[in-house]
Amino acid sequence: MDALIRTPPEVPAFPRRSPRGGFSLVEVIVALMVLSIGILGMAAGAGWMVRVAHFGELETRRSAALQSAVETVRAQPFDQVVSASESFGDVTVSWTPGPAGTNARSVEFVVVGPGRISSPGGGMPPVGTAVTDTFTYTLLRRD
């Protein structure tokens, strides 16, 4: 009876390679395709990051110009604030005071210069040369 029971042959954990070793042409082509897709993705990501950094620089310039104009208005006496404008490089900020109340008055600031144009399509918005933003600031009397 023992002669009729056969044990299964040992199955190696890893399939055998050819005696020459190395990679097949198909494996090399697949590896190159995966590598090229990764490199193209990194290149696209780098371009995106450069554009985002440019947007950040534009917004910083516009914000600094607005802050400087607000400080100019705040430095004036409450009853003597008049319409004026200042240029900060390629960004211009103009302001128009509203009627003075007893303790407060609103001042409208208009910032014009390079900036992002809002686009309804989504994605990366284009850059315009004369983008206009309007802000209202409430000036309080400091007596």
N, C-alpha and C. Protein backbone atom coordinates (compact mmCIF):
# COMPACT_ATOMS: atom_id res chain seq x y z
N MET A 1 0.80 -1.18 0.00
CA MET A 1 0.00 0.00 0.00
C MET A 1 0.85 1.24 0.00
N ASP A 2 1.92 1.22 0.70
CA ASP A 2 2.77 2.41 0.73
C ASP A 2 3.30 2.75 -0.64
N ALA A 3 3.40 1.81 -1.48
CA ALA A 3 3.93 2.07 -2.80
C ALA A 3 2.95 2.88 -3.63
N LEU A 4 1.66 2.81 -3.30
CA LEU A 4 0.66 3.53 -4.07
C LEU A 4 0.50 4.98 -3.63
N ILE A 5 0.93 5.35 -2.44
CA ILE A 5 0.80 6.74 -1.96
C ILE A 5 2.02 7.52 -2.42
N ARG A 6 1.73 8.54 -3.14
CA ARG A 6 2.82 9.38 -3.63
C ARG A 6 2.75 10.74 -2.95
N THR A 7 3.89 11.28 -2.62
CA THR A 7 3.93 12.62 -2.03
C THR A 7 4.08 13.62 -3.17
N PRO A 8 3.40 14.77 -3.03
CA PRO A 8 3.51 15.76 -4.11
C PRO A 8 4.92 16.32 -4.17
N PRO A 9 5.36 16.69 -5.37
CA PRO A 9 6.70 17.25 -5.48
C PRO A 9 6.77 18.61 -4.78
N GLU A 10 7.93 18.98 -4.31
CA GLU A 10 8.15 20.27 -3.67
C GLU A 10 7.93 21.38 -4.71
N VAL A 11 7.11 22.38 -4.34
CA VAL A 11 6.88 23.53 -5.22
C VAL A 11 7.73 24.66 -4.68
N PRO A 12 8.62 25.23 -5.52
CA PRO A 12 9.46 26.31 -5.04
C PRO A 12 8.61 27.55 -4.70
N ALA A 13 9.08 28.31 -3.72
CA ALA A 13 8.35 29.51 -3.30
C ALA A 13 8.32 30.55 -4.41
N PHE A 14 9.36 30.65 -5.20
CA PHE A 14 9.43 31.60 -6.30
C PHE A 14 9.60 30.82 -7.59
N PRO A 15 8.95 31.27 -8.64
CA PRO A 15 9.14 30.55 -9.90
C PRO A 15 10.59 30.67 -10.38
N ARG A 16 10.98 29.69 -11.12
CA ARG A 16 12.36 29.70 -11.61
C ARG A 16 12.55 30.75 -12.68
N ARG A 17 13.70 31.34 -12.69
CA ARG A 17 14.07 32.27 -13.75
C ARG A 17 14.83 31.50 -14.79
N SER A 18 14.94 32.15 -15.89
CA SER A 18 15.72 31.50 -16.94
C SER A 18 17.17 31.42 -16.50
N PRO A 19 17.90 30.52 -17.02
CA PRO A 19 19.29 30.38 -16.58
C PRO A 19 20.12 31.63 -16.84
N ARG A 20 19.70 32.49 -17.79
CA ARG A 20 20.48 33.70 -18.08
C ARG A 20 20.23 34.79 -17.05
N GLY A 21 19.09 34.81 -16.37
CA GLY A 21 18.75 35.87 -15.42
C GLY A 21 18.37 37.15 -16.16
N GLY A 22 18.21 38.29 -15.45
CA GLY A 22 17.89 39.56 -16.08
C GLY A 22 16.40 39.77 -16.24
N PHE A 23 16.04 40.78 -17.01
CA PHE A 23 14.64 41.16 -17.20
C PHE A 23 14.26 40.93 -18.65
N SER A 24 12.96 40.70 -18.85
CA SER A 24 12.48 40.55 -20.22
C SER A 24 12.25 41.94 -20.81
N LEU A 25 12.10 41.99 -22.10
CA LEU A 25 11.88 43.25 -22.80
C LEU A 25 10.55 43.88 -22.35
N VAL A 26 9.54 43.09 -22.12
CA VAL A 26 8.24 43.60 -21.68
C VAL A 26 8.36 44.26 -20.31
N GLU A 27 9.10 43.66 -19.39
CA GLU A 27 9.29 44.24 -18.06
C GLU A 27 10.02 45.58 -18.14
N VAL A 28 11.00 45.67 -19.00
CA VAL A 28 11.74 46.92 -19.16
C VAL A 28 10.84 48.01 -19.74
N ILE A 29 10.03 47.67 -20.73
CA ILE A 29 9.14 48.67 -21.33
C ILE A 29 8.10 49.14 -20.32
N VAL A 30 7.52 48.23 -19.55
CA VAL A 30 6.54 48.63 -18.53
C VAL A 30 7.19 49.52 -17.48
N ALA A 31 8.39 49.18 -17.04
CA ALA A 31 9.08 50.00 -16.05
C ALA A 31 9.37 51.39 -16.60
N LEU A 32 9.77 51.51 -17.85
CA LEU A 32 10.03 52.83 -18.46
C LEU A 32 8.74 53.64 -18.58
N MET A 33 7.63 52.99 -18.90
CA MET A 33 6.36 53.71 -18.99
C MET A 33 5.94 54.25 -17.63
N VAL A 34 6.08 53.44 -16.60
CA VAL A 34 5.72 53.90 -15.25
C VAL A 34 6.63 55.06 -14.83
N LEU A 35 7.90 54.95 -15.11
CA LEU A 35 8.85 56.02 -14.78
C LEU A 35 8.53 57.30 -15.54
N SER A 36 8.21 57.20 -16.82
CA SER A 36 7.92 58.41 -17.61
C SER A 36 6.64 59.08 -17.13
N ILE A 37 5.63 58.30 -16.75
CA ILE A 37 4.40 58.90 -16.23
C ILE A 37 4.68 59.63 -14.92
N GLY A 38 5.50 59.06 -14.07
CA GLY A 38 5.87 59.73 -12.82
C GLY A 38 6.63 61.02 -13.05
N ILE A 39 7.56 61.01 -13.99
CA ILE A 39 8.34 62.22 -14.28
C ILE A 39 7.47 63.30 -14.89
N LEU A 40 6.54 62.94 -15.79
CA LEU A 40 5.63 63.93 -16.36
C LEU A 40 4.71 64.52 -15.30
N GLY A 41 4.28 63.69 -14.36
CA GLY A 41 3.45 64.20 -13.27
C GLY A 41 4.20 65.19 -12.39
N MET A 42 5.46 64.90 -12.11
CA MET A 42 6.28 65.82 -11.32
C MET A 42 6.49 67.13 -12.06
N ALA A 43 6.71 67.07 -13.37
CA ALA A 43 6.91 68.29 -14.16
C ALA A 43 5.64 69.14 -14.15
N ALA A 44 4.48 68.51 -14.31
CA ALA A 44 3.23 69.27 -14.27
C ALA A 44 3.01 69.88 -12.89
N GLY A 45 3.33 69.14 -11.85
CA GLY A 45 3.19 69.66 -10.49
C GLY A 45 4.11 70.84 -10.23
N ALA A 46 5.31 70.80 -10.78
CA ALA A 46 6.25 71.91 -10.60
C ALA A 46 5.73 73.16 -11.30
N GLY A 47 5.17 73.00 -12.50
CA GLY A 47 4.59 74.15 -13.20
C GLY A 47 3.43 74.75 -12.44
N TRP A 48 2.60 73.89 -11.87
CA TRP A 48 1.46 74.35 -11.06
C TRP A 48 1.95 75.15 -9.86
N MET A 49 2.98 74.65 -9.18
CA MET A 49 3.49 75.32 -7.99
C MET A 49 4.11 76.69 -8.32
N VAL A 50 4.78 76.80 -9.46
CA VAL A 50 5.33 78.09 -9.88
C VAL A 50 4.20 79.09 -10.08
N ARG A 51 3.12 78.65 -10.69
CA ARG A 51 1.99 79.55 -10.94
C ARG A 51 1.31 79.96 -9.63
N VAL A 52 1.16 79.03 -8.71
CA VAL A 52 0.56 79.34 -7.41
C VAL A 52 1.44 80.33 -6.64
N ALA A 53 2.75 80.16 -6.71
CA ALA A 53 3.67 81.09 -6.04
C ALA A 53 3.55 82.49 -6.66
N HIS A 54 3.36 82.56 -7.97
CA HIS A 54 3.17 83.85 -8.64
C HIS A 54 1.88 84.52 -8.16
N PHE A 55 0.80 83.74 -8.02
CA PHE A 55 -0.45 84.29 -7.50
C PHE A 55 -0.26 84.81 -6.09
N GLY A 56 0.48 84.09 -5.28
CA GLY A 56 0.75 84.53 -3.91
C GLY A 56 1.50 85.84 -3.88
N GLU A 57 2.46 85.99 -4.77
CA GLU A 57 3.24 87.23 -4.83
C GLU A 57 2.35 88.40 -5.26
N LEU A 58 1.45 88.18 -6.24
CA LEU A 58 0.53 89.24 -6.67
C LEU A 58 -0.40 89.65 -5.52
N GLU A 59 -0.95 88.68 -4.81
CA GLU A 59 -1.86 88.99 -3.71
C GLU A 59 -1.14 89.71 -2.58
N THR A 60 0.11 89.36 -2.34
CA THR A 60 0.89 90.03 -1.30
C THR A 60 1.14 91.49 -1.66
N ARG A 61 1.49 91.75 -2.93
CA ARG A 61 1.70 93.14 -3.36
C ARG A 61 0.43 93.95 -3.23
N ARG A 62 -0.71 93.38 -3.64
CA ARG A 62 -1.98 94.09 -3.57
C ARG A 62 -2.36 94.36 -2.10
N SER A 63 -2.16 93.38 -1.24
CA SER A 63 -2.50 93.55 0.18
C SER A 63 -1.60 94.58 0.85
N ALA A 64 -0.32 94.58 0.51
CA ALA A 64 0.60 95.56 1.09
C ALA A 64 0.24 96.98 0.65
N ALA A 65 -0.15 97.14 -0.61
CA ALA A 65 -0.55 98.46 -1.11
C ALA A 65 -1.81 98.94 -0.39
N LEU A 66 -2.78 98.05 -0.23
CA LEU A 66 -4.01 98.43 0.48
C LEU A 66 -3.71 98.79 1.94
N GLN A 67 -2.88 98.00 2.60
CA GLN A 67 -2.55 98.28 4.00
C GLN A 67 -1.85 99.63 4.13
N SER A 68 -0.95 99.94 3.21
CA SER A 68 -0.26 101.23 3.26
C SER A 68 -1.24 102.39 3.07
N ALA A 69 -2.19 102.23 2.16
CA ALA A 69 -3.18 103.28 1.94
C ALA A 69 -4.08 103.45 3.16
N VAL A 70 -4.47 102.36 3.80
CA VAL A 70 -5.28 102.45 5.01
C VAL A 70 -4.52 103.18 6.11
N GLU A 71 -3.25 102.89 6.25
CA GLU A 71 -2.43 103.58 7.25
C GLU A 71 -2.29 105.06 6.92
N THR A 72 -2.21 105.41 5.64
CA THR A 72 -2.16 106.82 5.26
C THR A 72 -3.44 107.54 5.67
N VAL A 73 -4.58 106.90 5.45
CA VAL A 73 -5.87 107.50 5.82
C VAL A 73 -5.97 107.60 7.35
N ARG A 74 -5.55 106.57 8.06
CA ARG A 74 -5.64 106.60 9.52
C ARG A 74 -4.75 107.67 10.14
N ALA A 75 -3.67 108.06 9.44
CA ALA A 75 -2.75 109.07 9.96
C ALA A 75 -3.32 110.49 9.84
N GLN A 76 -4.36 110.64 9.01
CA GLN A 76 -4.96 111.97 8.83
C GLN A 76 -5.98 112.23 9.95
N PRO A 77 -6.18 113.50 10.30
CA PRO A 77 -7.23 113.83 11.27
C PRO A 77 -8.60 113.39 10.74
N PHE A 78 -9.46 112.96 11.63
CA PHE A 78 -10.75 112.38 11.27
C PHE A 78 -11.56 113.28 10.34
N ASP A 79 -11.63 114.58 10.62
CA ASP A 79 -12.45 115.51 9.83
C ASP A 79 -11.76 115.98 8.56
N GLN A 80 -10.51 115.62 8.36
CA GLN A 80 -9.77 116.13 7.19
C GLN A 80 -9.44 115.03 6.17
N VAL A 81 -10.07 113.89 6.24
CA VAL A 81 -9.84 112.82 5.27
C VAL A 81 -10.52 113.20 3.97
N VAL A 82 -9.74 113.22 2.88
CA VAL A 82 -10.27 113.58 1.56
C VAL A 82 -9.93 112.47 0.57
N SER A 83 -10.59 112.51 -0.56
CA SER A 83 -10.33 111.54 -1.61
C SER A 83 -8.92 111.73 -2.15
N ALA A 84 -8.23 110.63 -2.39
CA ALA A 84 -6.88 110.69 -2.94
C ALA A 84 -6.53 109.31 -3.48
N SER A 85 -5.31 109.18 -3.99
CA SER A 85 -4.84 107.87 -4.45
C SER A 85 -3.33 107.83 -4.33
N GLU A 86 -2.81 106.61 -4.26
CA GLU A 86 -1.37 106.38 -4.20
C GLU A 86 -1.03 105.22 -5.11
N SER A 87 0.17 105.28 -5.69
CA SER A 87 0.65 104.18 -6.52
C SER A 87 1.78 103.46 -5.80
N PHE A 88 1.73 102.15 -5.87
CA PHE A 88 2.75 101.30 -5.27
C PHE A 88 3.25 100.38 -6.37
N GLY A 89 4.20 100.86 -7.14
CA GLY A 89 4.65 100.07 -8.29
C GLY A 89 3.54 100.02 -9.32
N ASP A 90 3.10 98.83 -9.67
CA ASP A 90 2.04 98.68 -10.67
C ASP A 90 0.66 98.52 -10.04
N VAL A 91 0.55 98.78 -8.73
CA VAL A 91 -0.74 98.71 -8.03
C VAL A 91 -1.11 100.13 -7.58
N THR A 92 -2.33 100.54 -7.90
CA THR A 92 -2.83 101.86 -7.50
C THR A 92 -4.00 101.67 -6.55
N VAL A 93 -3.97 102.43 -5.44
CA VAL A 93 -5.06 102.39 -4.47
C VAL A 93 -5.63 103.79 -4.37
N SER A 94 -6.94 103.91 -4.58
CA SER A 94 -7.61 105.21 -4.40
C SER A 94 -8.68 105.02 -3.34
N TRP A 95 -8.99 106.11 -2.65
CA TRP A 95 -9.99 106.03 -1.59
C TRP A 95 -10.89 107.24 -1.64
N THR A 96 -12.14 107.00 -1.18
CA THR A 96 -13.16 108.03 -1.14
C THR A 96 -13.86 107.93 0.20
N PRO A 97 -13.77 108.99 1.03
CA PRO A 97 -14.45 108.93 2.33
C PRO A 97 -15.94 109.20 2.17
N GLY A 98 -16.73 108.54 3.01
CA GLY A 98 -18.16 108.81 3.07
C GLY A 98 -18.41 109.97 4.02
N PRO A 99 -19.66 110.32 4.22
CA PRO A 99 -19.97 111.43 5.14
C PRO A 99 -19.54 111.07 6.57
N ALA A 100 -19.06 112.10 7.26
CA ALA A 100 -18.58 111.88 8.63
C ALA A 100 -19.75 111.86 9.59
N GLY A 101 -19.80 110.82 10.42
CA GLY A 101 -20.78 110.77 11.50
C GLY A 101 -20.14 111.38 12.75
N THR A 102 -20.75 111.16 13.87
CA THR A 102 -20.18 111.73 15.09
C THR A 102 -18.92 110.99 15.52
N ASN A 103 -18.90 109.67 15.36
CA ASN A 103 -17.75 108.91 15.81
C ASN A 103 -17.15 107.99 14.74
N ALA A 104 -17.75 107.90 13.57
CA ALA A 104 -17.25 106.98 12.55
C ALA A 104 -17.60 107.48 11.17
N ARG A 105 -16.83 107.03 10.19
CA ARG A 105 -17.12 107.30 8.79
C ARG A 105 -16.55 106.15 7.98
N SER A 106 -17.20 105.83 6.89
CA SER A 106 -16.70 104.75 6.04
C SER A 106 -15.83 105.34 4.94
N VAL A 107 -14.80 104.60 4.60
CA VAL A 107 -13.91 105.00 3.52
C VAL A 107 -13.86 103.82 2.54
N GLU A 108 -14.14 104.11 1.28
CA GLU A 108 -14.10 103.07 0.26
C GLU A 108 -12.75 103.08 -0.45
N PHE A 109 -12.08 101.94 -0.45
CA PHE A 109 -10.78 101.79 -1.10
C PHE A 109 -10.96 100.97 -2.37
N VAL A 110 -10.32 101.41 -3.45
CA VAL A 110 -10.35 100.68 -4.71
C VAL A 110 -8.91 100.36 -5.09
N VAL A 111 -8.61 99.06 -5.22
CA VAL A 111 -7.27 98.59 -5.58
C VAL A 111 -7.31 98.15 -7.03
N VAL A 112 -6.40 98.71 -7.84
CA VAL A 112 -6.32 98.36 -9.27
C VAL A 112 -4.89 97.96 -9.58
N GLY A 113 -4.72 96.80 -10.20
CA GLY A 113 -3.39 96.34 -10.57
C GLY A 113 -3.45 94.89 -11.01
N PRO A 114 -2.29 94.30 -11.27
CA PRO A 114 -2.28 92.90 -11.69
C PRO A 114 -2.82 91.98 -10.61
N GLY A 115 -3.59 90.99 -11.04
CA GLY A 115 -4.16 90.05 -10.08
C GLY A 115 -4.91 88.94 -10.80
N ARG A 116 -5.50 88.07 -10.01
CA ARG A 116 -6.25 86.94 -10.56
C ARG A 116 -7.62 87.38 -11.04
N ILE A 117 -8.00 86.89 -12.19
CA ILE A 117 -9.34 87.12 -12.72
C ILE A 117 -10.17 85.91 -12.34
N SER A 118 -11.32 86.13 -11.73
CA SER A 118 -12.16 84.98 -11.36
C SER A 118 -12.77 84.40 -12.63
N SER A 119 -12.65 83.08 -12.75
CA SER A 119 -13.20 82.41 -13.92
C SER A 119 -14.18 81.35 -13.45
N PRO A 120 -15.37 81.28 -14.07
CA PRO A 120 -16.38 80.33 -13.62
C PRO A 120 -16.04 78.89 -13.96
N GLY A 121 -15.10 78.67 -14.87
CA GLY A 121 -14.79 77.32 -15.32
C GLY A 121 -13.99 76.50 -14.34
N GLY A 122 -13.44 77.10 -13.32
CA GLY A 122 -12.59 76.37 -12.38
C GLY A 122 -11.18 76.25 -12.93
N GLY A 123 -10.36 75.48 -12.28
CA GLY A 123 -8.98 75.34 -12.71
C GLY A 123 -8.15 76.55 -12.29
N MET A 124 -7.02 76.71 -12.93
CA MET A 124 -6.12 77.81 -12.62
C MET A 124 -6.63 79.09 -13.29
N PRO A 125 -6.96 80.13 -12.50
CA PRO A 125 -7.50 81.35 -13.09
C PRO A 125 -6.43 82.14 -13.84
N PRO A 126 -6.83 82.89 -14.85
CA PRO A 126 -5.85 83.72 -15.57
C PRO A 126 -5.46 84.95 -14.75
N VAL A 127 -4.39 85.60 -15.18
CA VAL A 127 -3.89 86.82 -14.54
C VAL A 127 -4.24 88.00 -15.42
N GLY A 128 -4.85 89.02 -14.82
CA GLY A 128 -5.18 90.24 -15.54
C GLY A 128 -4.26 91.37 -15.11
N THR A 129 -4.15 92.40 -15.94
CA THR A 129 -3.25 93.52 -15.64
C THR A 129 -3.95 94.63 -14.87
N ALA A 130 -5.28 94.72 -14.94
CA ALA A 130 -6.00 95.80 -14.27
C ALA A 130 -7.20 95.23 -13.52
N VAL A 131 -6.93 94.37 -12.57
CA VAL A 131 -8.00 93.77 -11.77
C VAL A 131 -8.39 94.75 -10.66
N THR A 132 -9.69 94.94 -10.47
CA THR A 132 -10.19 95.92 -9.51
C THR A 132 -10.87 95.21 -8.34
N ASP A 133 -10.50 95.60 -7.13
CA ASP A 133 -11.15 95.12 -5.92
C ASP A 133 -11.57 96.34 -5.10
N THR A 134 -12.72 96.26 -4.45
CA THR A 134 -13.23 97.37 -3.63
C THR A 134 -13.40 96.89 -2.19
N PHE A 135 -12.93 97.73 -1.26
CA PHE A 135 -13.02 97.42 0.16
C PHE A 135 -13.59 98.63 0.88
N THR A 136 -14.35 98.37 1.93
CA THR A 136 -14.88 99.45 2.75
C THR A 136 -14.26 99.34 4.14
N TYR A 137 -13.73 100.46 4.60
CA TYR A 137 -13.07 100.52 5.90
C TYR A 137 -13.83 101.52 6.76
N THR A 138 -14.07 101.18 8.00
CA THR A 138 -14.75 102.10 8.92
C THR A 138 -13.68 102.79 9.76
N LEU A 139 -13.62 104.11 9.61
CA LEU A 139 -12.65 104.93 10.32
C LEU A 139 -13.33 105.46 11.59
N LEU A 140 -12.69 105.24 12.73
CA LEU A 140 -13.26 105.70 14.00
C LEU A 140 -12.55 106.97 14.48
N ARG A 141 -13.32 107.84 15.11
CA ARG A 141 -12.75 109.08 15.65
C ARG A 141 -11.89 108.71 16.85
N ARG A 142 -10.67 109.31 16.91
CA ARG A 142 -9.75 109.06 18.03
C ARG A 142 -9.43 110.37 18.73
N ASP A 143 -10.32 110.84 19.49
CA ASP A 143 -10.06 112.14 20.17
C ASP A 143 -9.62 111.94 21.58
